[in-house]
Structure formats: C-alpha cells, structure tokens
Amino acid sequence: MAMRTVLDEIERWQAGGHRVALARVVGVTGSGPRDSGAAMAVNDDGEVAGSVSGGCVDGAVVSAAFDVLSSGEPQLCAFGYSDDEAFSVGLTCSGTVKIFIEPLD
C-alpha cells in the first residue's frame, strides 16, 4: 500500500473521530522484510492501513500500537532473528527491524 493511501486512511479515520497510531520502520540491520520508511497506521477500532513487515511482525506491531494509543506514549520496538520472540511473531529473516510507533493528534 502506498504511503499516500495510508495518509488518506489516517485523514479519514481522524475525520471520523478515531485516534490513530503510526508505526514506521526506522532501522534495519541485516536482512529485513521492509526498508526504513515503511509505514502502517492503526486506529482505535483495530483497522489497519499499510504494513511495516509484509505481515511477519505486523500483528505484534498492532498490539504495540494499542498500547501506544492507551498510554499516549511513543514506543520503539525491535524484532530480531536472535530474539526469543522472533519466531513467535513470524520474523524468519536473519536481520533486526526497529519500528517507532507514535500516537497522532
């Protein structure tokens, strides 16, 4: 999904009164599913636009986005091949991906 489409969804959701969190890939070490800059938006109803991983860690990022929406505090999440959580969230490439998630006003 193109960034323009993600932005269109964010605007639509906010116009409808929804709170939105934006997740962006901010770093990749080694092999990763998406390059830096990939984005995904999540609203407070659980709707998702875009992808930060092509699916392999998107579910974990949606969960973290709900935490961000609840707390109002941004989070930096890292998923890596050597992490115990890597296989459980589906990250089977040999790299590490860092994802910054922030609430949007």
C-alpha atoms as a PDB file:
ATOM      1  CA  MET A   1       0.000   0.000   0.000  1.00  0.00           C
ATOM      2  CA  ALA A   2       1.418   3.356  -0.996  1.00  0.00           C
ATOM      3  CA  MET A   3       2.139   5.953   1.679  1.00  0.00           C
ATOM      4  CA  ARG A   4      -0.429   8.255   0.066  1.00  0.00           C
ATOM      5  CA  THR A   5      -3.102   5.603   0.683  1.00  0.00           C
ATOM      6  CA  VAL A   6      -2.006   5.249   4.332  1.00  0.00           C
ATOM      7  CA  LEU A   7      -2.236   9.031   4.724  1.00  0.00           C
ATOM      8  CA  ASP A   8      -5.701   9.041   3.140  1.00  0.00           C
ATOM      9  CA  GLU A   9      -6.861   6.421   5.651  1.00  0.00           C
ATOM     10  CA  ILE A  10      -5.385   8.398   8.570  1.00  0.00           C
ATOM     11  CA  GLU A  11      -7.247  11.512   7.433  1.00  0.00           C
ATOM     12  CA  ARG A  12     -10.492   9.563   7.015  1.00  0.00           C
ATOM     13  CA  TRP A  13     -10.180   7.931  10.436  1.00  0.00           C
ATOM     14  CA  GLN A  14      -9.348  11.201  12.183  1.00  0.00           C
ATOM     15  CA  ALA A  15     -12.246  12.961  10.447  1.00  0.00           C
ATOM     16  CA  GLY A  16     -14.461  10.193  11.871  1.00  0.00           C
ATOM     17  CA  GLY A  17     -13.209  10.876  15.401  1.00  0.00           C
ATOM     18  CA  HIS A  18     -10.818   7.933  15.692  1.00  0.00           C
ATOM     19  CA  ARG A  19      -7.485   8.006  17.460  1.00  0.00           C
ATOM     20  CA  VAL A  20      -4.612   6.775  15.303  1.00  0.00           C
ATOM     21  CA  ALA A  21      -1.113   5.401  15.883  1.00  0.00           C
ATOM     22  CA  LEU A  22       1.523   5.477  13.154  1.00  0.00           C
ATOM     23  CA  ALA A  23       4.241   2.810  13.020  1.00  0.00           C
ATOM     24  CA  ARG A  24       7.333   3.310  10.865  1.00  0.00           C
ATOM     25  CA  VAL A  25      10.397   1.216  10.182  1.00  0.00           C
ATOM     26  CA  VAL A  26      13.276   3.360  11.430  1.00  0.00           C
ATOM     27  CA  GLY A  27      16.121   0.880  11.143  1.00  0.00           C
ATOM     28  CA  VAL A  28      17.030  -2.446   9.609  1.00  0.00           C
ATOM     29  CA  THR A  29      20.179  -4.384  10.387  1.00  0.00           C
ATOM     30  CA  GLY A  30      20.980  -7.316   8.118  1.00  0.00           C
ATOM     31  CA  SER A  31      18.110  -8.762   6.135  1.00  0.00           C
ATOM     32  CA  GLY A  32      14.682  -7.330   6.886  1.00  0.00           C
ATOM     33  CA  PRO A  33      11.191  -7.660   5.462  1.00  0.00           C
ATOM     34  CA  ARG A  34      10.809  -3.944   4.616  1.00  0.00           C
ATOM     35  CA  ASP A  35      13.142  -0.992   4.238  1.00  0.00           C
ATOM     36  CA  SER A  36      13.287   2.023   6.525  1.00  0.00           C
ATOM     37  CA  GLY A  37      10.336   4.300   5.942  1.00  0.00           C
ATOM     38  CA  ALA A  38       7.723   1.563   5.527  1.00  0.00           C
ATOM     39  CA  ALA A  39       4.595   2.648   7.416  1.00  0.00           C
ATOM     40  CA  MET A  40       1.444   1.252   8.943  1.00  0.00           C
ATOM     41  CA  ALA A  41      -1.400   3.077  10.669  1.00  0.00           C
ATOM     42  CA  VAL A  42      -3.733   1.556  13.259  1.00  0.00           C
ATOM     43  CA  ASN A  43      -6.898   3.160  14.582  1.00  0.00           C
ATOM     44  CA  ASP A  44      -8.657   2.626  17.902  1.00  0.00           C
ATOM     45  CA  ASP A  45     -11.168   0.266  16.246  1.00  0.00           C
ATOM     46  CA  GLY A  46      -8.358  -2.017  15.069  1.00  0.00           C
ATOM     47  CA  GLU A  47      -8.426  -1.017  11.423  1.00  0.00           C
ATOM     48  CA  VAL A  48      -5.006  -1.211   9.770  1.00  0.00           C
ATOM     49  CA  ALA A  49      -3.578   0.532   6.700  1.00  0.00           C
ATOM     50  CA  GLY A  50      -0.172  -0.319   5.281  1.00  0.00           C
ATOM     51  CA  SER A  51       2.465  -2.727   6.550  1.00  0.00           C
ATOM     52  CA  VAL A  52       5.825  -2.499   8.269  1.00  0.00           C
ATOM     53  CA  SER A  53       6.833  -6.084   7.606  1.00  0.00           C
ATOM     54  CA  GLY A  54       4.824  -7.636   4.832  1.00  0.00           C
ATOM     55  CA  GLY A  55       2.899  -9.459   7.541  1.00  0.00           C
ATOM     56  CA  CYS A  56       5.554 -11.196   9.619  1.00  0.00           C
ATOM     57  CA  VAL A  57       5.518  -8.809  12.604  1.00  0.00           C
ATOM     58  CA  ASP A  58       2.500  -6.669  11.763  1.00  0.00           C
ATOM     59  CA  GLY A  59       0.329  -8.429  14.382  1.00  0.00           C
ATOM     60  CA  ALA A  60       2.800  -7.643  17.157  1.00  0.00           C
ATOM     61  CA  VAL A  61       3.014  -4.044  15.927  1.00  0.00           C
ATOM     62  CA  VAL A  62      -0.795  -3.698  16.017  1.00  0.00           C
ATOM     63  CA  SER A  63      -0.717  -4.872  19.640  1.00  0.00           C
ATOM     64  CA  ALA A  64       2.028  -2.345  20.454  1.00  0.00           C
ATOM     65  CA  ALA A  65       0.030   0.363  18.651  1.00  0.00           C
ATOM     66  CA  PHE A  66      -2.909  -0.281  21.009  1.00  0.00           C
ATOM     67  CA  ASP A  67      -0.511   0.164  23.945  1.00  0.00           C
ATOM     68  CA  VAL A  68       0.622   3.469  22.435  1.00  0.00           C
ATOM     69  CA  LEU A  69      -2.971   4.606  21.957  1.00  0.00           C
ATOM     70  CA  SER A  70      -3.774   3.679  25.570  1.00  0.00           C
ATOM     71  CA  SER A  71      -0.734   5.344  27.119  1.00  0.00           C
ATOM     72  CA  GLY A  72      -0.255   8.226  24.703  1.00  0.00           C
ATOM     73  CA  GLU A  73       3.479   7.472  24.836  1.00  0.00           C
ATOM     74  CA  PRO A  74       5.519   6.543  21.732  1.00  0.00           C
ATOM     75  CA  GLN A  75       7.410   3.244  21.666  1.00  0.00           C
ATOM     76  CA  LEU A  76      10.476   1.960  19.881  1.00  0.00           C
ATOM     77  CA  CYS A  77      10.130  -1.776  19.249  1.00  0.00           C
ATOM     78  CA  ALA A  78      12.825  -4.086  17.924  1.00  0.00           C
ATOM     79  CA  PHE A  79      12.352  -7.511  16.417  1.00  0.00           C
ATOM     80  CA  GLY A  80      15.401  -9.597  15.606  1.00  0.00           C
ATOM     81  CA  TYR A  81      16.194 -13.080  14.420  1.00  0.00           C
ATOM     82  CA  SER A  82      18.045 -13.897  17.632  1.00  0.00           C
ATOM     83  CA  ASP A  83      15.208 -12.690  19.866  1.00  0.00           C
ATOM     84  CA  ASP A  84      13.096 -15.367  21.545  1.00  0.00           C
ATOM     85  CA  GLU A  85      10.047 -13.538  20.219  1.00  0.00           C
ATOM     86  CA  ALA A  86      11.247 -13.507  16.590  1.00  0.00           C
ATOM     87  CA  PHE A  87       9.792 -16.832  15.541  1.00  0.00           C
ATOM     88  CA  SER A  88       6.616 -16.354  17.567  1.00  0.00           C
ATOM     89  CA  VAL A  89       5.810 -13.178  15.612  1.00  0.00           C
ATOM     90  CA  GLY A  90       6.950 -14.681  12.293  1.00  0.00           C
ATOM     91  CA  LEU A  91      10.280 -12.920  11.706  1.00  0.00           C
ATOM     92  CA  THR A  92      12.367 -15.566   9.985  1.00  0.00           C
ATOM     93  CA  CYS A  93      14.782 -13.345   8.070  1.00  0.00           C
ATOM     94  CA  SER A  94      18.219 -13.021   9.591  1.00  0.00           C
ATOM     95  CA  GLY A  95      18.051  -9.335  10.472  1.00  0.00           C
ATOM     96  CA  THR A  96      16.665  -6.950  13.046  1.00  0.00           C
ATOM     97  CA  VAL A  97      13.972  -4.396  12.384  1.00  0.00           C
ATOM     98  CA  LYS A  98      13.279  -1.345  14.579  1.00  0.00           C
ATOM     99  CA  ILE A  99       9.816   0.158  14.485  1.00  0.00           C
ATOM    100  CA  PHE A 100       8.826   3.500  16.002  1.00  0.00           C
ATOM    101  CA  ILE A 101       5.162   3.804  16.964  1.00  0.00           C
ATOM    102  CA  GLU A 102       3.612   7.143  17.894  1.00  0.00           C
ATOM    103  CA  PRO A 103       0.119   8.456  18.533  1.00  0.00           C
ATOM    104  CA  LEU A 104      -1.076  11.054  16.046  1.00  0.00           C
ATOM    105  CA  ASP A 105      -3.010  14.150  17.097  1.00  0.00           C
END
